[in-house]
PDB file of all heavy atoms in Angstrom:
ATOM      1  N   PRO A   1       0.853  -1.231  -0.008  1.00  0.00           N
ATOM      2  CA  PRO A   1       0.050   0.001   0.005  1.00  0.00           C
ATOM      3  C   PRO A   1       0.813   1.264  -0.069  1.00  0.00           C
ATOM      4  O   PRO A   1       1.774   1.359   0.736  1.00  0.00           O
ATOM      5  CB  PRO A   1      -0.810  -0.080   1.258  1.00  0.00           C
ATOM      6  CG  PRO A   1      -0.029  -1.051   2.169  1.00  0.00           C
ATOM      7  CD  PRO A   1       0.755  -1.924   1.256  1.00  0.00           C
ATOM      8  N   LYS A   2       0.509   2.146  -0.896  1.00  0.00           N
ATOM      9  CA  LYS A   2       1.249   3.502  -0.965  1.00  0.00           C
ATOM     10  C   LYS A   2       0.172   4.551  -1.127  1.00  0.00           C
ATOM     11  O   LYS A   2      -1.073   4.248  -1.298  1.00  0.00           O
ATOM     12  CB  LYS A   2       2.071   3.495  -2.094  1.00  0.00           C
ATOM     13  CG  LYS A   2       3.261   2.441  -2.187  1.00  0.00           C
ATOM     14  CD  LYS A   2       4.272   2.707  -1.127  1.00  0.00           C
ATOM     15  CE  LYS A   2       5.431   1.645  -1.251  1.00  0.00           C
ATOM     16  NZ  LYS A   2       6.417   1.968  -0.265  1.00  0.00           N
ATOM     17  N   ILE A   3       0.662   5.868  -1.161  1.00  0.00           N
ATOM     18  CA  ILE A   3      -0.264   6.963  -1.355  1.00  0.00           C
ATOM     19  C   ILE A   3       0.246   7.745  -2.437  1.00  0.00           C
ATOM     20  O   ILE A   3       1.479   8.037  -2.539  1.00  0.00           O
ATOM     21  CB  ILE A   3      -0.330   7.897  -0.037  1.00  0.00           C
ATOM     22  CG1 ILE A   3      -0.974   7.133   1.149  1.00  0.00           C
ATOM     23  CG2 ILE A   3      -1.046   9.189  -0.345  1.00  0.00           C
ATOM     24  CD1 ILE A   3      -2.464   6.911   0.975  1.00  0.00           C
ATOM     25  N   LYS A   4      -0.539   8.140  -3.447  1.00  0.00           N
ATOM     26  CA  LYS A   4      -0.214   8.892  -4.498  1.00  0.00           C
ATOM     27  C   LYS A   4      -0.697  10.334  -4.289  1.00  0.00           C
ATOM     28  O   LYS A   4      -1.938  10.546  -4.161  1.00  0.00           O
ATOM     29  CB  LYS A   4      -0.579   8.443  -5.846  1.00  0.00           C
ATOM     30  CG  LYS A   4      -0.154   9.300  -7.028  1.00  0.00           C
ATOM     31  CD  LYS A   4      -0.243   8.707  -8.431  1.00  0.00           C
ATOM     32  CE  LYS A   4      -1.622   8.539  -8.890  1.00  0.00           C
ATOM     33  NZ  LYS A   4      -1.687   8.168 -10.319  1.00  0.00           N
ATOM     34  N   VAL A   5       0.189  11.322  -4.204  1.00  0.00           N
ATOM     35  CA  VAL A   5      -0.215  12.736  -4.098  1.00  0.00           C
ATOM     36  C   VAL A   5       0.036  13.490  -5.408  1.00  0.00           C
ATOM     37  O   VAL A   5       1.145  13.357  -5.977  1.00  0.00           O
ATOM     38  CB  VAL A   5       0.582  13.330  -2.963  1.00  0.00           C
ATOM     39  CG1 VAL A   5       0.270  14.912  -2.827  1.00  0.00           C
ATOM     40  CG2 VAL A   5       0.421  12.668  -1.641  1.00  0.00           C
ATOM     41  N   GLU A   6      -0.954  14.174  -5.949  1.00  0.00           N
ATOM     42  CA  GLU A   6      -0.831  14.886  -7.084  1.00  0.00           C
ATOM     43  C   GLU A   6      -1.138  16.354  -6.921  1.00  0.00           C
ATOM     44  O   GLU A   6      -2.109  16.607  -6.275  1.00  0.00           O
ATOM     45  CB  GLU A   6      -1.859  14.340  -8.188  1.00  0.00           C
ATOM     46  CG  GLU A   6      -1.625  12.877  -8.610  1.00  0.00           C
ATOM     47  CD  GLU A   6      -2.681  12.386  -9.407  1.00  0.00           C
ATOM     48  OE1 GLU A   6      -2.547  12.488 -10.726  1.00  0.00           O
ATOM     49  OE2 GLU A   6      -3.684  11.843  -8.941  1.00  0.00           O
ATOM     50  N   ILE A   7      -0.152  17.212  -7.385  1.00  0.00           N
ATOM     51  CA  ILE A   7      -0.356  18.654  -7.239  1.00  0.00           C
ATOM     52  C   ILE A   7       0.151  19.277  -8.630  1.00  0.00           C
ATOM     53  O   ILE A   7       0.995  18.693  -9.298  1.00  0.00           O
ATOM     54  CB  ILE A   7       0.416  19.274  -6.116  1.00  0.00           C
ATOM     55  CG1 ILE A   7       1.865  19.098  -6.282  1.00  0.00           C
ATOM     56  CG2 ILE A   7      -0.056  18.791  -4.832  1.00  0.00           C
ATOM     57  CD1 ILE A   7       2.729  19.849  -5.252  1.00  0.00           C
ATOM     58  N   VAL A   8      -0.456  20.400  -8.957  1.00  0.00           N
ATOM     59  CA  VAL A   8       0.019  21.150 -10.091  1.00  0.00           C
ATOM     60  C   VAL A   8       0.488  22.584  -9.535  1.00  0.00           C
ATOM     61  O   VAL A   8      -0.201  23.183  -8.796  1.00  0.00           O
ATOM     62  CB  VAL A   8      -1.183  21.430 -11.093  1.00  0.00           C
ATOM     63  CG1 VAL A   8      -0.652  22.310 -12.240  1.00  0.00           C
ATOM     64  CG2 VAL A   8      -1.675  20.119 -11.617  1.00  0.00           C
ATOM     65  N   VAL A   9       1.690  22.896  -9.866  1.00  0.00           N
ATOM     66  CA  VAL A   9       2.349  24.112  -9.427  1.00  0.00           C
ATOM     67  C   VAL A   9       2.901  24.825 -10.614  1.00  0.00           C
ATOM     68  O   VAL A   9       3.078  24.385 -11.696  1.00  0.00           O
ATOM     69  CB  VAL A   9       3.506  23.832  -8.409  1.00  0.00           C
ATOM     70  CG1 VAL A   9       2.909  23.150  -7.160  1.00  0.00           C
ATOM     71  CG2 VAL A   9       4.518  22.972  -9.042  1.00  0.00           C
ATOM     72  N   THR A  10       3.242  26.152 -10.339  1.00  0.00           N
ATOM     73  CA  THR A  10       3.911  27.024 -11.366  1.00  0.00           C
ATOM     74  C   THR A  10       5.361  26.467 -11.484  1.00  0.00           C
ATOM     75  O   THR A  10       5.853  25.788 -10.507  1.00  0.00           O
ATOM     76  CB  THR A  10       3.842  28.459 -10.986  1.00  0.00           C
ATOM     77  OG1 THR A  10       4.530  28.690  -9.744  1.00  0.00           O
ATOM     78  CG2 THR A  10       2.434  28.977 -10.905  1.00  0.00           C
ATOM     79  N   ALA A  11       5.957  26.761 -12.558  1.00  0.00           N
ATOM     80  CA  ALA A  11       7.359  26.375 -12.794  1.00  0.00           C
ATOM     81  C   ALA A  11       8.275  26.928 -11.704  1.00  0.00           C
ATOM     82  O   ALA A  11       9.215  26.352 -11.290  1.00  0.00           O
ATOM     83  CB  ALA A  11       7.924  26.822 -14.157  1.00  0.00           C
ATOM     84  N   GLU A  12       7.962  28.172 -11.173  1.00  0.00           N
ATOM     85  CA  GLU A  12       8.863  28.805 -10.202  1.00  0.00           C
ATOM     86  C   GLU A  12       8.701  28.072  -8.815  1.00  0.00           C
ATOM     87  O   GLU A  12       9.661  28.138  -8.054  1.00  0.00           O
ATOM     88  CB  GLU A  12       8.405  30.303 -10.006  1.00  0.00           C
ATOM     89  CG  GLU A  12       8.527  31.117 -11.192  1.00  0.00           C
ATOM     90  CD  GLU A  12       7.443  31.011 -12.224  1.00  0.00           C
ATOM     91  OE1 GLU A  12       6.226  30.751 -11.812  1.00  0.00           O
ATOM     92  OE2 GLU A  12       7.742  31.130 -13.432  1.00  0.00           O
ATOM     93  N   MET A  13       7.644  27.449  -8.596  1.00  0.00           N
ATOM     94  CA  MET A  13       7.336  26.778  -7.292  1.00  0.00           C
ATOM     95  C   MET A  13       7.838  25.351  -7.323  1.00  0.00           C
ATOM     96  O   MET A  13       7.790  24.682  -6.328  1.00  0.00           O
ATOM     97  CB  MET A  13       5.851  26.820  -6.975  1.00  0.00           C
ATOM     98  CG  MET A  13       5.450  26.597  -5.580  1.00  0.00           C
ATOM     99  SD  MET A  13       3.709  26.888  -5.407  1.00  0.00           S
ATOM    100  CE  MET A  13       3.566  27.292  -3.786  1.00  0.00           C
ATOM    101  N   LEU A  14       8.168  24.778  -8.436  1.00  0.00           N
ATOM    102  CA  LEU A  14       8.470  23.367  -8.648  1.00  0.00           C
ATOM    103  C   LEU A  14       9.605  22.916  -7.758  1.00  0.00           C
ATOM    104  O   LEU A  14       9.307  21.899  -7.016  1.00  0.00           O
ATOM    105  CB  LEU A  14       8.827  23.076 -10.087  1.00  0.00           C
ATOM    106  CG  LEU A  14       9.240  21.657 -10.436  1.00  0.00           C
ATOM    107  CD1 LEU A  14       8.105  20.740 -10.201  1.00  0.00           C
ATOM    108  CD2 LEU A  14       9.656  21.532 -11.798  1.00  0.00           C
ATOM    109  N   ASP A  15      10.597  23.526  -7.727  1.00  0.00           N
ATOM    110  CA  ASP A  15      11.877  23.022  -6.972  1.00  0.00           C
ATOM    111  C   ASP A  15      11.567  22.986  -5.439  1.00  0.00           C
ATOM    112  O   ASP A  15      11.937  22.131  -4.705  1.00  0.00           O
ATOM    113  CB  ASP A  15      13.137  23.805  -7.218  1.00  0.00           C
ATOM    114  CG  ASP A  15      13.608  23.603  -8.593  1.00  0.00           C
ATOM    115  OD1 ASP A  15      13.377  22.493  -9.159  1.00  0.00           O
ATOM    116  OD2 ASP A  15      14.305  24.443  -9.179  1.00  0.00           O
ATOM    117  N   ALA A  16      10.863  24.062  -4.968  1.00  0.00           N
ATOM    118  CA  ALA A  16      10.568  24.144  -3.540  1.00  0.00           C
ATOM    119  C   ALA A  16       9.582  23.079  -3.125  1.00  0.00           C
ATOM    120  O   ALA A  16       9.700  22.459  -2.096  1.00  0.00           O
ATOM    121  CB  ALA A  16       9.944  25.516  -3.203  1.00  0.00           C
ATOM    122  N   ALA A  17       8.617  22.717  -4.099  1.00  0.00           N
ATOM    123  CA  ALA A  17       7.626  21.715  -3.724  1.00  0.00           C
ATOM    124  C   ALA A  17       8.235  20.296  -3.628  1.00  0.00           C
ATOM    125  O   ALA A  17       8.029  19.509  -2.783  1.00  0.00           O
ATOM    126  CB  ALA A  17       6.523  21.736  -4.670  1.00  0.00           C
ATOM    127  N   ILE A  18       9.173  20.104  -4.677  1.00  0.00           N
ATOM    128  CA  ILE A  18       9.949  18.793  -4.695  1.00  0.00           C
ATOM    129  C   ILE A  18      10.758  18.671  -3.371  1.00  0.00           C
ATOM    130  O   ILE A  18      10.828  17.666  -2.681  1.00  0.00           O
ATOM    131  CB  ILE A  18      10.700  18.703  -5.942  1.00  0.00           C
ATOM    132  CG1 ILE A  18       9.824  18.502  -7.101  1.00  0.00           C
ATOM    133  CG2 ILE A  18      11.709  17.474  -5.870  1.00  0.00           C
ATOM    134  CD1 ILE A  18      10.519  18.566  -8.458  1.00  0.00           C
ATOM    135  N   GLU A  19      11.501  19.781  -3.071  1.00  0.00           N
ATOM    136  CA  GLU A  19      12.328  19.795  -1.845  1.00  0.00           C
ATOM    137  C   GLU A  19      11.533  19.392  -0.611  1.00  0.00           C
ATOM    138  O   GLU A  19      11.972  18.665   0.260  1.00  0.00           O
ATOM    139  CB  GLU A  19      13.087  21.042  -1.600  1.00  0.00           C
ATOM    140  CG  GLU A  19      14.444  21.186  -2.327  1.00  0.00           C
ATOM    141  CD  GLU A  19      15.046  22.535  -2.010  1.00  0.00           C
ATOM    142  OE1 GLU A  19      15.059  22.899  -0.815  1.00  0.00           O
ATOM    143  OE2 GLU A  19      15.389  23.233  -3.048  1.00  0.00           O
ATOM    144  N   ALA A  20      10.350  20.026  -0.494  1.00  0.00           N
ATOM    145  CA  ALA A  20       9.442  19.894   0.653  1.00  0.00           C
ATOM    146  C   ALA A  20       9.037  18.371   0.819  1.00  0.00           C
ATOM    147  O   ALA A  20       9.067  17.770   1.868  1.00  0.00           O
ATOM    148  CB  ALA A  20       8.234  20.784   0.562  1.00  0.00           C
ATOM    149  N   ILE A  21       8.645  17.862  -0.312  1.00  0.00           N
ATOM    150  CA  ILE A  21       8.111  16.408  -0.349  1.00  0.00           C
ATOM    151  C   ILE A  21       9.300  15.494   0.081  1.00  0.00           C
ATOM    152  O   ILE A  21       9.064  14.592   0.964  1.00  0.00           O
ATOM    153  CB  ILE A  21       7.614  16.041  -1.734  1.00  0.00           C
ATOM    154  CG1 ILE A  21       6.256  16.821  -1.997  1.00  0.00           C
ATOM    155  CG2 ILE A  21       7.317  14.638  -1.784  1.00  0.00           C
ATOM    156  CD1 ILE A  21       5.805  16.770  -3.440  1.00  0.00           C
ATOM    157  N   VAL A  22      10.402  15.733  -0.589  1.00  0.00           N
ATOM    158  CA  VAL A  22      11.560  14.733  -0.306  1.00  0.00           C
ATOM    159  C   VAL A  22      11.965  14.944   1.179  1.00  0.00           C
ATOM    160  O   VAL A  22      12.227  13.940   1.807  1.00  0.00           O
ATOM    161  CB  VAL A  22      12.840  15.141  -1.169  1.00  0.00           C
ATOM    162  CG1 VAL A  22      14.010  14.450  -0.833  1.00  0.00           C
ATOM    163  CG2 VAL A  22      12.425  14.749  -2.644  1.00  0.00           C
ATOM    164  N   LYS A  23      12.070  16.063   1.676  1.00  0.00           N
ATOM    165  CA  LYS A  23      12.512  16.359   2.998  1.00  0.00           C
ATOM    166  C   LYS A  23      11.580  15.597   4.105  1.00  0.00           C
ATOM    167  O   LYS A  23      12.087  14.936   5.008  1.00  0.00           O
ATOM    168  CB  LYS A  23      12.442  17.863   3.329  1.00  0.00           C
ATOM    169  CG  LYS A  23      12.969  18.151   4.720  1.00  0.00           C
ATOM    170  CD  LYS A  23      13.019  19.681   4.993  1.00  0.00           C
ATOM    171  CE  LYS A  23      13.397  20.027   6.402  1.00  0.00           C
ATOM    172  NZ  LYS A  23      13.271  21.483   6.750  1.00  0.00           N
ATOM    173  N   VAL A  24      10.256  15.690   3.878  1.00  0.00           N
ATOM    174  CA  VAL A  24       9.358  15.042   4.965  1.00  0.00           C
ATOM    175  C   VAL A  24       9.009  13.658   4.689  1.00  0.00           C
ATOM    176  O   VAL A  24       8.744  12.835   5.594  1.00  0.00           O
ATOM    177  CB  VAL A  24       8.093  15.915   5.201  1.00  0.00           C
ATOM    178  CG1 VAL A  24       8.443  17.309   5.649  1.00  0.00           C
ATOM    179  CG2 VAL A  24       7.254  16.034   3.975  1.00  0.00           C
ATOM    180  N   ALA A  25       9.105  13.173   3.363  1.00  0.00           N
ATOM    181  CA  ALA A  25       8.748  11.809   3.060  1.00  0.00           C
ATOM    182  C   ALA A  25       9.959  10.863   3.178  1.00  0.00           C
ATOM    183  O   ALA A  25       9.704   9.628   3.197  1.00  0.00           O
ATOM    184  CB  ALA A  25       8.185  11.774   1.722  1.00  0.00           C
ATOM    185  N   ARG A  26      11.095  11.309   3.279  1.00  0.00           N
ATOM    186  CA  ARG A  26      12.296  10.362   3.413  1.00  0.00           C
ATOM    187  C   ARG A  26      12.500   9.767   4.792  1.00  0.00           C
ATOM    188  O   ARG A  26      12.441  10.427   5.738  1.00  0.00           O
ATOM    189  CB  ARG A  26      13.548  11.225   3.032  1.00  0.00           C
ATOM    190  CG  ARG A  26      14.845  10.310   3.043  1.00  0.00           C
ATOM    191  CD  ARG A  26      16.054  11.068   2.816  1.00  0.00           C
ATOM    192  NE  ARG A  26      16.127  11.309   1.334  1.00  0.00           N
ATOM    193  CZ  ARG A  26      16.712  12.373   0.760  1.00  0.00           C
ATOM    194  NH1 ARG A  26      17.272  13.286   1.487  1.00  0.00           N
ATOM    195  NH2 ARG A  26      16.709  12.511  -0.540  1.00  0.00           N
ATOM    196  N   THR A  27      12.511   8.484   4.777  1.00  0.00           N
ATOM    197  CA  THR A  27      12.895   7.756   6.029  1.00  0.00           C
ATOM    198  C   THR A  27      14.253   7.177   5.928  1.00  0.00           C
ATOM    199  O   THR A  27      14.836   6.726   6.925  1.00  0.00           O
ATOM    200  CB  THR A  27      11.888   6.542   6.320  1.00  0.00           C
ATOM    201  OG1 THR A  27      12.016   5.604   5.265  1.00  0.00           O
ATOM    202  CG2 THR A  27      10.400   7.063   6.313  1.00  0.00           C
ATOM    203  N   GLY A  28      14.809   7.089   4.718  1.00  0.00           N
ATOM    204  CA  GLY A  28      16.085   6.514   4.469  1.00  0.00           C
ATOM    205  C   GLY A  28      16.022   5.020   4.286  1.00  0.00           C
ATOM    206  O   GLY A  28      17.092   4.375   4.087  1.00  0.00           O
ATOM    207  N   LYS A  29      14.821   4.536   4.243  1.00  0.00           N
ATOM    208  CA  LYS A  29      14.761   2.968   4.064  1.00  0.00           C
ATOM    209  C   LYS A  29      14.125   2.709   2.762  1.00  0.00           C
ATOM    210  O   LYS A  29      13.459   3.543   2.183  1.00  0.00           O
ATOM    211  CB  LYS A  29      13.809   2.393   5.179  1.00  0.00           C
ATOM    212  CG  LYS A  29      14.441   2.655   6.570  1.00  0.00           C
ATOM    213  CD  LYS A  29      13.546   1.958   7.600  1.00  0.00           C
ATOM    214  CE  LYS A  29      14.235   2.154   9.023  1.00  0.00           C
ATOM    215  NZ  LYS A  29      13.275   2.209   9.956  1.00  0.00           N
ATOM    216  N   ILE A  30      14.333   1.491   2.237  1.00  0.00           N
ATOM    217  CA  ILE A  30      13.761   1.161   0.944  1.00  0.00           C
ATOM    218  C   ILE A  30      12.272   1.223   0.970  1.00  0.00           C
ATOM    219  O   ILE A  30      11.587   1.016   2.006  1.00  0.00           O
ATOM    220  CB  ILE A  30      14.166  -0.307   0.636  1.00  0.00           C
ATOM    221  CG1 ILE A  30      13.967  -0.583  -0.914  1.00  0.00           C
ATOM    222  CG2 ILE A  30      13.544  -1.320   1.462  1.00  0.00           C
ATOM    223  CD1 ILE A  30      14.661  -1.758  -1.333  1.00  0.00           C
TER     224      ILE A  30
END
């Protein structure tokens, strides 16, 4: 089981949104 989150952002906001997701979703495990 997984969760798929979908968002649409402006190109300017893209990097910040990706960074935020990676920062909080990472556990460091497979």
